[in-house]
Protein backbone atom coordinates (compact mmCIF):
# COMPACT_ATOMS: atom_id res chain seq x y z
CA MET A 1 -72.36 -40.95 -19.62
CA LEU A 2 -71.26 -43.60 -21.54
CA VAL A 3 -74.71 -45.56 -23.59
CA LEU A 4 -73.64 -48.98 -24.69
CA PRO A 5 -75.63 -50.17 -27.54
CA LEU A 6 -78.47 -52.46 -27.34
CA LEU A 7 -77.14 -56.51 -27.88
CA PHE A 8 -80.56 -58.10 -27.44
CA SER A 9 -83.74 -57.33 -28.55
CA ALA A 10 -86.50 -56.76 -25.69
CA ASP A 11 -87.94 -60.01 -26.25
CA PHE A 12 -84.71 -62.66 -26.37
CA ASP A 13 -85.87 -65.21 -24.34
CA ARG A 14 -83.06 -66.35 -21.64
CA THR A 15 -84.81 -69.34 -20.91
CA GLN A 16 -84.28 -71.18 -24.60
CA VAL A 17 -80.81 -72.80 -25.88
CA PRO A 18 -79.94 -70.49 -28.97
CA ALA A 19 -79.98 -72.22 -32.32
CA PRO A 20 -76.92 -73.61 -32.95
CA LEU A 21 -74.95 -71.92 -35.55
CA GLU A 22 -74.20 -73.12 -39.45
CA THR A 23 -70.88 -74.74 -39.69
CA GLY A 24 -68.00 -72.60 -41.38
CA ALA A 25 -65.44 -74.47 -43.53
CA PHE A 26 -61.52 -74.31 -43.01
CA GLU A 27 -58.84 -76.39 -44.64
CA LEU A 28 -55.63 -77.89 -42.88
CA PRO A 29 -52.48 -77.71 -44.19
CA THR A 30 -51.12 -80.96 -45.49
CA PRO A 31 -48.59 -83.17 -44.06
CA GLN A 32 -45.48 -83.10 -45.95
CA ARG A 33 -43.10 -86.18 -45.39
CA ALA A 34 -39.78 -87.73 -46.04
CA THR A 35 -37.25 -90.66 -44.28
CA LEU A 36 -33.95 -89.93 -42.72
CA ASP A 37 -31.24 -91.27 -43.84
CA ASN A 38 -31.02 -93.69 -40.41
CA GLY A 39 -34.96 -94.69 -41.94
CA ILE A 40 -37.08 -92.33 -39.27
CA GLU A 41 -39.95 -90.85 -40.91
CA VAL A 42 -40.66 -86.79 -40.84
CA VAL A 43 -43.97 -85.50 -40.99
CA VAL A 44 -43.63 -81.61 -41.29
CA VAL A 45 -46.77 -79.40 -40.72
CA GLU A 46 -46.56 -75.59 -41.86
CA ASN A 47 -47.20 -72.68 -40.24
CA HIS A 48 -46.01 -69.21 -40.73
CA GLU A 49 -48.10 -66.87 -39.20
CA LEU A 50 -45.08 -66.45 -36.69
CA PRO A 51 -41.45 -67.15 -36.99
CA LEU A 52 -41.87 -70.02 -34.60
CA PHE A 53 -40.67 -74.17 -34.84
CA GLU A 54 -42.21 -76.85 -32.92
CA LEU A 55 -40.12 -80.54 -32.84
CA ARG A 56 -40.46 -83.00 -31.71
CA VAL A 57 -39.37 -87.49 -31.78
CA VAL A 58 -41.76 -89.69 -30.39
CA PHE A 59 -41.49 -92.96 -29.78
CA ASN A 60 -44.38 -95.76 -29.26
CA THR A 61 -42.55 -96.24 -25.86
CA GLY A 62 -44.21 -95.79 -22.32
CA GLY A 63 -45.57 -96.93 -19.60
CA TRP A 64 -46.86 -99.85 -21.12
CA THR A 65 -43.38 -101.59 -21.16
CA ASP A 66 -42.73 -100.49 -17.08
CA PRO A 67 -42.16 -103.88 -15.61
CA GLU A 68 -44.39 -105.29 -12.98
CA GLY A 69 -43.83 -103.90 -9.98
CA GLN A 70 -42.01 -100.67 -11.46
CA GLY A 71 -44.33 -98.23 -12.83
CA GLY A 72 -43.00 -95.80 -13.39
CA LEU A 73 -39.83 -96.48 -14.84
CA ALA A 74 -40.01 -95.52 -18.10
CA GLY A 75 -41.47 -91.54 -17.00
CA ALA A 76 -38.67 -91.12 -14.71
CA SER A 77 -36.32 -92.33 -17.81
CA MET A 78 -37.15 -89.74 -20.02
CA ASP A 79 -37.56 -86.84 -17.15
CA MET A 80 -33.85 -87.93 -16.50
CA LEU A 81 -32.90 -87.15 -20.47
CA ASN A 82 -32.54 -83.46 -19.70
CA GLU A 83 -30.87 -83.60 -16.31
CA GLY A 84 -27.68 -83.81 -17.87
CA ALA A 85 -26.19 -84.52 -20.95
CA GLY A 86 -23.53 -84.40 -23.22
CA GLY A 87 -21.21 -83.18 -20.18
CA MET A 88 -23.77 -80.25 -19.77
CA ASP A 89 -25.62 -80.74 -15.96
CA ALA A 90 -29.58 -79.61 -16.06
CA VAL A 91 -28.80 -75.89 -15.07
CA GLU A 92 -26.24 -75.42 -18.26
CA ILE A 93 -29.10 -77.00 -20.19
CA SER A 94 -31.68 -74.48 -18.60
CA THR A 95 -29.10 -71.93 -18.75
CA ALA A 96 -28.66 -72.23 -22.99
CA THR A 97 -32.00 -72.71 -24.04
CA ARG A 98 -33.36 -69.64 -21.86
CA THR A 99 -30.62 -67.50 -23.86
CA LEU A 100 -31.75 -68.97 -27.34
CA GLY A 101 -35.13 -68.22 -26.01
CA SER A 102 -35.80 -72.02 -26.76
CA SER A 103 -36.92 -74.88 -24.97
CA VAL A 104 -36.05 -78.53 -25.00
CA TRP A 105 -38.45 -80.95 -22.97
CA THR A 106 -38.84 -84.51 -22.54
CA SER A 107 -42.19 -86.04 -21.56
CA GLY A 108 -42.87 -89.94 -20.59
CA GLY A 109 -46.49 -91.35 -21.19
CA LEU A 110 -48.45 -94.27 -21.11
CA ASP A 111 -48.26 -95.12 -24.86
CA THR A 112 -45.61 -92.65 -26.01
CA SER A 113 -42.76 -91.04 -24.98
CA VAL A 114 -40.92 -87.83 -26.46
CA VAL A 115 -38.71 -85.65 -26.43
CA GLY A 116 -39.29 -82.37 -28.49
CA CYS A 117 -37.88 -78.89 -28.57
CA SER A 118 -39.31 -75.56 -29.67
CA GLY A 119 -38.08 -71.55 -30.29
CA LEU A 120 -37.84 -68.80 -32.72
CA THR A 121 -36.90 -70.38 -36.12
CA ARG A 122 -33.77 -67.99 -36.87
CA ASN A 123 -32.39 -70.22 -33.47
CA LEU A 124 -33.35 -73.79 -35.17
CA GLU A 125 -30.09 -75.12 -35.87
CA PRO A 126 -28.35 -74.13 -32.21
CA THR A 127 -31.62 -75.63 -30.36
CA LEU A 128 -31.71 -78.59 -32.50
CA ASP A 129 -28.05 -79.12 -31.12
CA LEU A 130 -29.39 -79.06 -27.31
CA TRP A 131 -32.26 -81.59 -28.50
CA SER A 132 -30.36 -83.85 -30.07
CA THR A 133 -27.84 -83.79 -26.94
CA VAL A 134 -30.56 -84.74 -24.77
CA LEU A 135 -31.88 -87.51 -27.29
CA LEU A 136 -28.47 -88.70 -27.64
CA ARG A 137 -26.23 -88.72 -24.76
CA PRO A 138 -28.14 -88.07 -21.73
CA ASP A 139 -25.60 -88.77 -18.53
CA PHE A 140 -27.96 -89.86 -16.54
CA PRO A 141 -26.63 -88.49 -13.43
CA ALA A 142 -26.75 -89.52 -9.90
CA THR A 143 -26.84 -86.53 -8.45
CA GLU A 144 -30.07 -84.93 -10.14
CA TRP A 145 -31.78 -88.74 -9.60
CA ASP A 146 -31.13 -88.18 -5.96
CA ARG A 147 -32.91 -85.19 -5.96
CA LEU A 148 -35.63 -86.38 -8.23
CA THR A 149 -36.26 -88.90 -6.02
CA VAL A 150 -37.35 -86.70 -3.79
CA GLN A 151 -39.52 -84.29 -5.42
CA TYR A 152 -41.37 -88.20 -6.84
CA ALA A 153 -42.28 -89.31 -3.33
CA GLN A 154 -43.53 -85.83 -2.11
CA SER A 155 -45.59 -85.52 -5.10
CA LEU A 156 -46.82 -89.07 -4.50
CA ASP A 157 -47.54 -87.56 -0.81
CA GLU A 158 -49.72 -84.94 -2.64
CA ALA A 159 -51.60 -86.83 -4.46
CA ALA A 160 -52.41 -89.58 -1.68
CA SER A 161 -54.39 -86.85 -0.07
CA ASN A 162 -56.16 -85.50 -3.17
CA PRO A 163 -59.76 -87.01 -3.75
CA SER A 164 -59.46 -86.96 -7.35
CA SER A 165 -56.19 -88.30 -7.60
CA ILE A 166 -57.43 -91.20 -5.43
CA ALA A 167 -60.37 -92.06 -7.63
CA TRP A 168 -58.49 -91.86 -10.82
CA THR A 169 -55.72 -94.11 -9.63
CA VAL A 170 -58.36 -96.37 -8.61
CA THR A 171 -60.39 -96.51 -11.64
CA ASP A 172 -57.54 -97.15 -13.03
CA ARG A 173 -56.30 -100.26 -10.99
CA ALA A 174 -59.79 -101.68 -10.94
CA LEU A 175 -60.18 -101.16 -14.92
CA TYR A 176 -56.69 -102.99 -15.38
CA GLY A 177 -55.68 -104.42 -12.69
CA GLU A 178 -51.94 -103.94 -12.09
CA GLU A 179 -50.95 -104.10 -15.96
CA TYR A 180 -51.18 -100.74 -18.35
CA ALA A 181 -52.57 -97.34 -16.59
CA GLY A 182 -52.90 -100.08 -13.21
CA ASN A 183 -49.33 -100.26 -13.28
CA ASP A 184 -48.65 -96.74 -11.74
CA LEU A 185 -46.08 -95.27 -9.89
CA THR A 186 -45.73 -95.82 -5.89
CA HIS A 187 -43.35 -95.27 -2.87
CA GLU A 188 -42.75 -98.99 -3.90
CA SER A 189 -42.12 -98.71 -7.45
CA LEU A 190 -40.01 -95.80 -6.83
CA GLU A 191 -37.69 -97.89 -4.42
CA THR A 192 -36.66 -99.84 -7.20
CA PHE A 193 -35.29 -97.02 -9.43
CA THR A 194 -31.56 -97.10 -10.48
CA VAL A 195 -29.89 -95.00 -12.83
CA ASP A 196 -28.31 -98.94 -14.19
CA ALA A 197 -32.32 -99.68 -14.78
CA MET A 198 -33.20 -95.90 -16.40
CA GLN A 199 -29.91 -96.36 -19.10
CA THR A 200 -31.18 -100.06 -19.89
CA TRP A 201 -34.53 -98.66 -20.06
CA TYR A 202 -33.23 -95.90 -22.35
CA GLY A 203 -31.27 -98.08 -24.64
CA GLN A 204 -33.99 -100.53 -25.07
CA HIS A 205 -36.51 -98.39 -26.06
CA ILE A 206 -35.06 -94.88 -27.45
CA VAL A 207 -34.29 -96.08 -30.53
CA PRO A 208 -35.12 -94.94 -33.88
CA ALA A 209 -37.28 -98.09 -34.77
CA ASN A 210 -39.25 -96.75 -32.26
CA ALA A 211 -39.90 -93.46 -33.75
CA ILE A 212 -41.41 -90.82 -35.92
CA ILE A 213 -40.45 -86.71 -36.27
CA LEU A 214 -43.13 -84.68 -36.02
CA VAL A 215 -42.25 -81.19 -37.10
CA GLY A 216 -44.58 -77.67 -37.26
CA GLY A 217 -44.67 -74.14 -37.75
CA ASP A 218 -42.12 -71.40 -39.59
CA ILE A 219 -40.20 -74.08 -41.13
CA THR A 220 -40.44 -76.54 -44.57
CA LEU A 221 -39.23 -80.27 -44.94
CA ASP A 222 -36.36 -79.25 -47.48
CA GLU A 223 -35.23 -76.70 -44.22
CA VAL A 224 -35.51 -79.47 -41.45
CA VAL A 225 -34.06 -82.99 -43.55
CA PRO A 226 -30.63 -81.99 -44.05
CA LEU A 227 -30.37 -80.87 -40.52
CA LEU A 228 -31.58 -83.89 -38.94
CA ASN A 229 -29.89 -85.89 -40.92
CA GLU A 230 -26.19 -84.08 -39.78
CA ARG A 231 -27.01 -84.62 -36.04
CA LEU A 232 -28.71 -88.27 -36.47
CA ALA A 233 -26.68 -89.62 -38.59
CA ASP A 234 -25.22 -91.53 -36.10
CA TRP A 235 -27.84 -92.71 -34.73
CA ALA A 236 -28.24 -96.40 -35.86
CA ASP A 237 -31.35 -98.45 -36.86
CA SER A 238 -31.75 -100.88 -34.37
CA GLN A 239 -34.74 -103.50 -33.95
CA GLY A 240 -37.54 -101.93 -32.39
CA HIS A 241 -41.03 -103.57 -31.27
CA THR A 242 -44.50 -103.37 -31.70
CA PRO A 243 -47.04 -102.22 -28.76
CA PRO A 244 -49.15 -105.63 -27.95
CA ALA A 245 -52.81 -105.88 -28.47
CA ARG A 246 -54.38 -104.29 -25.23
CA VAL A 247 -57.11 -106.60 -23.71
CA PRO A 248 -60.18 -104.53 -23.50
CA ALA A 249 -60.84 -103.78 -19.50
CA THR A 250 -64.26 -105.49 -18.68
CA VAL A 251 -66.97 -104.48 -16.13
CA GLU A 252 -69.18 -107.50 -15.41
CA GLN A 253 -71.58 -106.03 -13.14
CA THR A 254 -72.23 -102.87 -11.78
CA VAL A 255 -69.98 -102.33 -8.67
CA ILE A 256 -69.53 -99.12 -6.26
CA TYR A 257 -65.98 -99.04 -5.05
CA VAL A 258 -65.83 -96.91 -2.05
CA VAL A 259 -62.23 -95.31 -0.72
CA ASP A 260 -62.59 -93.61 2.47
CA LYS A 261 -62.11 -90.24 3.04
CA PRO A 262 -62.72 -89.27 6.56
CA GLY A 263 -64.20 -85.92 7.30
CA ALA A 264 -64.48 -85.05 3.31
CA SER A 265 -66.97 -82.86 2.77
CA GLN A 266 -67.57 -83.37 -0.69
CA SER A 267 -67.10 -86.77 -2.78
CA VAL A 268 -65.24 -87.80 -6.06
CA VAL A 269 -67.10 -89.92 -7.98
CA THR A 270 -66.37 -91.56 -10.80
CA VAL A 271 -68.16 -93.77 -13.22
CA SER A 272 -66.39 -96.12 -16.23
CA VAL A 273 -67.69 -98.06 -18.42
CA PRO A 274 -65.53 -100.03 -21.54
CA VAL A 275 -66.44 -99.32 -24.84
CA MET A 276 -64.68 -99.64 -28.41
CA GLY A 277 -62.00 -97.67 -29.94
CA ARG A 278 -61.84 -95.08 -32.25
CA THR A 279 -60.97 -96.97 -35.30
CA ASP A 280 -64.40 -98.56 -34.67
CA ASP A 281 -67.28 -97.69 -37.39
CA ALA A 282 -69.41 -96.94 -33.45
CA TRP A 283 -66.70 -94.23 -32.62
CA TYR A 284 -68.51 -91.26 -33.97
CA PRO A 285 -72.07 -91.93 -32.85
CA LEU A 286 -70.92 -92.92 -29.42
CA TYR A 287 -68.97 -89.49 -29.30
CA LEU A 288 -71.71 -87.36 -30.62
CA GLY A 289 -74.36 -89.50 -28.22
CA ASN A 290 -71.86 -88.84 -25.28
CA ARG A 291 -71.68 -85.16 -26.52
CA ALA A 292 -75.54 -84.58 -25.83
CA TRP A 293 -75.63 -86.70 -22.55
CA GLY A 294 -72.40 -85.70 -20.40
CA GLY A 295 -69.99 -84.29 -22.60
CA SER A 296 -70.58 -80.27 -22.39
CA PHE A 297 -71.85 -77.65 -19.89
CA MET A 298 -75.47 -77.59 -21.75
CA ALA A 299 -75.50 -81.70 -21.62
CA ARG A 300 -78.21 -83.20 -19.50
CA LEU A 301 -75.83 -84.57 -16.88
CA ASN A 302 -74.39 -81.09 -15.83
CA MET A 303 -77.74 -79.19 -15.98
CA ASN A 304 -78.94 -81.91 -13.52
CA LEU A 305 -76.48 -82.17 -11.22
CA ARG A 306 -75.51 -78.35 -11.30
CA GLU A 307 -78.45 -76.77 -12.17
CA ASP A 308 -81.44 -78.66 -11.00
CA LYS A 309 -80.30 -80.48 -8.03
CA GLY A 310 -77.24 -77.86 -6.85
CA TRP A 311 -75.11 -81.17 -6.04
CA THR A 312 -72.02 -79.82 -7.52
CA TYR A 313 -69.96 -77.55 -9.52
CA GLY A 314 -69.87 -79.29 -12.46
CA ALA A 315 -70.30 -82.98 -13.94
CA ARG A 316 -68.87 -84.62 -17.16
CA SER A 317 -68.67 -87.42 -18.86
CA TRP A 318 -65.85 -88.77 -22.22
CA THR A 319 -64.69 -91.12 -23.72
CA THR A 320 -60.99 -92.31 -24.19
CA ALA A 321 -59.08 -94.44 -26.14
CA ASN A 322 -55.56 -94.68 -25.99
CA ASP A 323 -53.85 -98.26 -27.31
CA ALA A 324 -56.10 -100.17 -24.93
CA PRO A 325 -59.81 -99.77 -26.37
CA GLY A 326 -61.77 -96.98 -25.11
CA VAL A 327 -63.02 -95.82 -21.85
CA TRP A 328 -66.34 -93.86 -21.11
CA HIS A 329 -65.90 -92.17 -17.79
CA ALA A 330 -68.22 -89.86 -16.08
CA SER A 331 -67.02 -87.58 -13.34
CA SER A 332 -67.98 -85.41 -10.18
CA SER A 333 -66.96 -84.29 -6.96
CA ILE A 334 -70.57 -84.26 -5.11
CA VAL A 335 -71.30 -82.50 -1.33
CA ALA A 336 -71.23 -84.92 0.63
CA ASP A 337 -74.38 -85.64 2.03
CA SER A 338 -75.96 -86.03 -1.30
CA THR A 339 -73.72 -88.35 -2.39
CA ALA A 340 -75.75 -91.60 -2.77
CA PRO A 341 -78.47 -89.50 -4.62
CA ALA A 342 -75.86 -88.47 -7.39
CA VAL A 343 -74.68 -91.60 -7.76
CA ASN A 344 -78.37 -92.79 -8.24
CA GLU A 345 -79.15 -90.48 -10.42
CA MET A 346 -76.24 -90.97 -13.11
CA LEU A 347 -77.35 -94.45 -13.19
CA THR A 348 -80.82 -93.40 -13.51
CA MET A 349 -79.97 -91.19 -16.21
CA LEU A 350 -78.31 -93.43 -17.81
CA LYS A 351 -80.89 -96.28 -18.09
CA ALA A 352 -83.45 -93.55 -19.06
CA VAL A 353 -81.59 -93.38 -21.97
CA GLY A 354 -82.95 -96.66 -22.98
CA GLY A 355 -86.50 -96.00 -21.92
CA GLU A 356 -88.56 -92.55 -21.34
CA GLU A 357 -85.78 -90.18 -21.83
CA PRO A 358 -83.81 -91.18 -25.06
CA LEU A 359 -81.57 -88.28 -26.76
CA THR A 360 -83.20 -85.64 -29.06
CA THR A 361 -82.89 -84.43 -32.32
CA ASP A 362 -82.20 -81.07 -30.74
CA GLU A 363 -79.63 -82.64 -27.80
CA LEU A 364 -77.98 -84.21 -30.50
CA GLU A 365 -78.13 -80.83 -33.41
CA TYR A 366 -77.04 -78.48 -30.41
CA ALA A 367 -74.07 -81.15 -29.46
CA ARG A 368 -72.88 -80.93 -33.14
CA SER A 369 -73.13 -77.84 -33.69
CA GLY A 370 -70.98 -77.03 -30.73
CA LEU A 371 -68.39 -79.98 -31.90
CA LEU A 372 -67.82 -78.49 -35.66
CA ASN A 373 -67.75 -75.09 -34.58
CA GLY A 374 -64.92 -75.49 -32.03
CA TYR A 375 -63.44 -78.05 -34.19
CA ALA A 376 -61.34 -75.17 -36.36
CA ALA A 377 -60.09 -72.86 -33.41
CA ARG A 378 -58.12 -76.34 -32.12
CA PHE A 379 -55.76 -76.26 -35.17
CA GLU A 380 -54.45 -72.72 -34.33
CA THR A 381 -52.10 -74.13 -32.61
CA VAL A 382 -48.92 -76.19 -33.48
CA ASP A 383 -49.01 -78.14 -31.06
CA TYR A 384 -52.76 -79.49 -31.63
CA LEU A 385 -51.32 -80.27 -34.97
CA LEU A 386 -48.92 -82.49 -34.27
CA ASP A 387 -50.64 -84.14 -31.60
CA GLN A 388 -53.12 -85.20 -34.45
CA GLN A 389 -50.20 -86.28 -36.51
CA LYS A 390 -48.82 -88.13 -33.55
CA ASP A 391 -52.64 -90.02 -32.77
CA ILE A 392 -52.40 -91.12 -36.33
CA TRP A 393 -48.97 -92.70 -36.40
CA ARG A 394 -49.36 -93.94 -33.01
CA TYR A 395 -52.91 -95.34 -32.52
CA GLY A 396 -53.37 -96.45 -36.27
CA LEU A 397 -55.60 -93.84 -37.18
CA PRO A 398 -56.76 -93.59 -40.83
CA ASP A 399 -54.21 -90.66 -42.57
CA ASP A 400 -57.18 -88.30 -42.95
CA TRP A 401 -58.60 -88.62 -39.14
CA SER A 402 -58.39 -84.79 -38.70
CA THR A 403 -59.62 -83.50 -42.66
CA SER A 404 -62.74 -86.73 -42.13
CA TRP A 405 -63.50 -85.64 -38.18
CA PRO A 406 -66.07 -83.05 -39.56
CA ALA A 407 -67.92 -85.03 -41.94
CA ASN A 408 -68.06 -88.18 -40.12
CA ILE A 409 -69.43 -86.29 -36.91
CA GLN A 410 -71.90 -84.89 -39.63
CA ALA A 411 -72.86 -88.21 -41.07
CA VAL A 412 -74.28 -89.57 -37.61
CA THR A 413 -77.93 -89.53 -37.28
CA THR A 414 -80.18 -89.39 -34.02
CA GLU A 415 -81.06 -93.12 -34.42
CA ASP A 416 -77.62 -94.05 -34.54
CA ALA A 417 -76.19 -91.73 -31.94
CA GLN A 418 -79.03 -93.12 -29.37
CA ALA A 419 -78.87 -96.82 -30.53
CA THR A 420 -75.01 -96.73 -29.89
CA PHE A 421 -74.72 -94.57 -26.73
CA GLN A 422 -78.02 -96.58 -25.55
CA SER A 423 -76.01 -100.34 -26.35
CA ALA A 424 -72.01 -99.45 -25.32
CA VAL A 425 -72.78 -97.00 -22.58
CA ALA A 426 -76.29 -96.25 -21.25
CA ALA A 427 -77.48 -100.19 -21.10
CA ALA A 428 -73.93 -101.94 -20.02
CA PRO A 429 -72.94 -102.43 -16.45
CA VAL A 430 -70.63 -99.73 -14.78
CA MET A 431 -67.78 -99.55 -12.68
CA VAL A 432 -68.34 -96.09 -9.91
CA VAL A 433 -65.52 -94.98 -7.86
CA VAL A 434 -66.67 -93.06 -4.50
CA VAL A 435 -63.89 -91.28 -2.68
CA GLY A 436 -65.25 -89.59 0.58
CA ASP A 437 -66.24 -89.89 4.27
CA MET A 438 -67.36 -93.38 4.37
CA GLU A 439 -68.53 -93.37 8.27
CA THR A 440 -71.68 -91.17 6.52
CA GLN A 441 -71.94 -92.33 3.04
CA ARG A 442 -71.54 -96.27 3.20
CA ALA A 443 -75.03 -96.88 4.15
CA PRO A 444 -76.41 -94.82 1.75
CA LEU A 445 -74.53 -95.98 -0.90
CA GLU A 446 -75.03 -99.60 0.12
CA ALA A 447 -78.95 -99.20 0.15
CA LEU A 448 -78.64 -98.41 -3.51
CA GLY A 449 -78.50 -102.25 -3.99
CA HIS A 450 -75.27 -102.87 -5.84
CA PRO A 451 -72.43 -104.74 -4.07
CA VAL A 452 -70.01 -102.05 -2.21
CA VAL A 453 -66.13 -102.90 -2.16
CA GLU A 454 -64.03 -101.10 0.18
CA LEU A 455 -60.41 -100.32 -1.34
CA ASP A 456 -57.35 -98.36 -0.26
CA THR A 457 -55.93 -95.25 -1.96
CA HIS A 458 -54.25 -97.59 -4.06
CA GLY A 459 -56.79 -99.67 -5.27
CA TYR A 460 -56.16 -102.77 -3.54
CA THR A 461 -59.44 -104.35 -1.88
CA LEU A 462 -59.53 -103.94 1.99
CA VAL A 463 -63.20 -105.46 2.78
CA GLU A 464 -64.77 -108.15 0.52
CA GLU A 465 -67.93 -107.26 -1.20
CA ASN A 466 -71.27 -107.38 0.31
């Protein structure tokens, strides 16, 4: 018979949260920097544990450049780069990368666009040949765009029936109107895209003056710079752009926006509050305070809505900070009959932070321990290392952002976290979005005493405020 060792003493109390672990020390590799002949900065972060590399050229351009009514143009243009380049079609590009055991990929986000590659270090040079072909010589084949158009339309149809997708589309629209994150891909904007429009966007935005090259893995700066100079020598510098200063999203009063999803057994609920950006001195106290209130499984929000009330499988809150100032979000999928009570409970929990239930030292120390002890593990992948360098460059963060982060979290006091979370989030008016069956849920939501505004699935008003 197999006898397992006794892992816990008989008097181990499973009803108590374990004490925080001591924070271990770790050291990040120092980024190495150089400038190519055409003026592009190159940053290399070495990691020689495995014979692999990852390389990406990042542009400070993305969905924020989409013209009004053409949300999604930047993303579609980036998707087209590896659908045909240098006379190779999409199948030939894919076959060539698979033969090398490599990948060449493109991505168009809200604030940045990327052309990247990765693979075995011994196949670095032929992989860079494919990467530079996709980057510099895209063909924008009309036949491939016809195929992608069908895929995009299908994805839009799927999103229009997905309550979570609807909730975040509506949240962005309510926060930003038809600009920035609110100017997203729709069937109407998709119909305006042409190959010529994408080629024009590419020519204006995918230029050296808008770029930085990030490299990581089993490679050195001295090795990669000559290879990049060779392949990018004819990529002439040109006038770039500086992303505009973003006007912060604003919420003037607590409003509940509702989207009808007839017959839904659950309601998706989001709660949003505009906050400061990551370079603000108050960012770290806010980050830690949020972690204690709703940023983990053991935080107040999840323990209340899931463990105590049984209304959801999970609830979380977090902060985002892209090019625009930050936004705090909380979200959960709630069993339909408990939609209004859950919304009320979330708002009550926020109000309580400034009253009878301020954040406690025990809560904040547990949150701090989880953040600090999990921090080093994030850097086990080259991908995360490069993402950190991308954010430092793109959002103007301090050069020591990654290395100083643990000390800055450690320095936050209970008083700082409580005061910042209270003033920035708990005491602020909030924007609530509920996607669910409004035939049964609208009246209970109206009874909460806040204005209720009905929207369609794109975030446009159907019924004026009560």
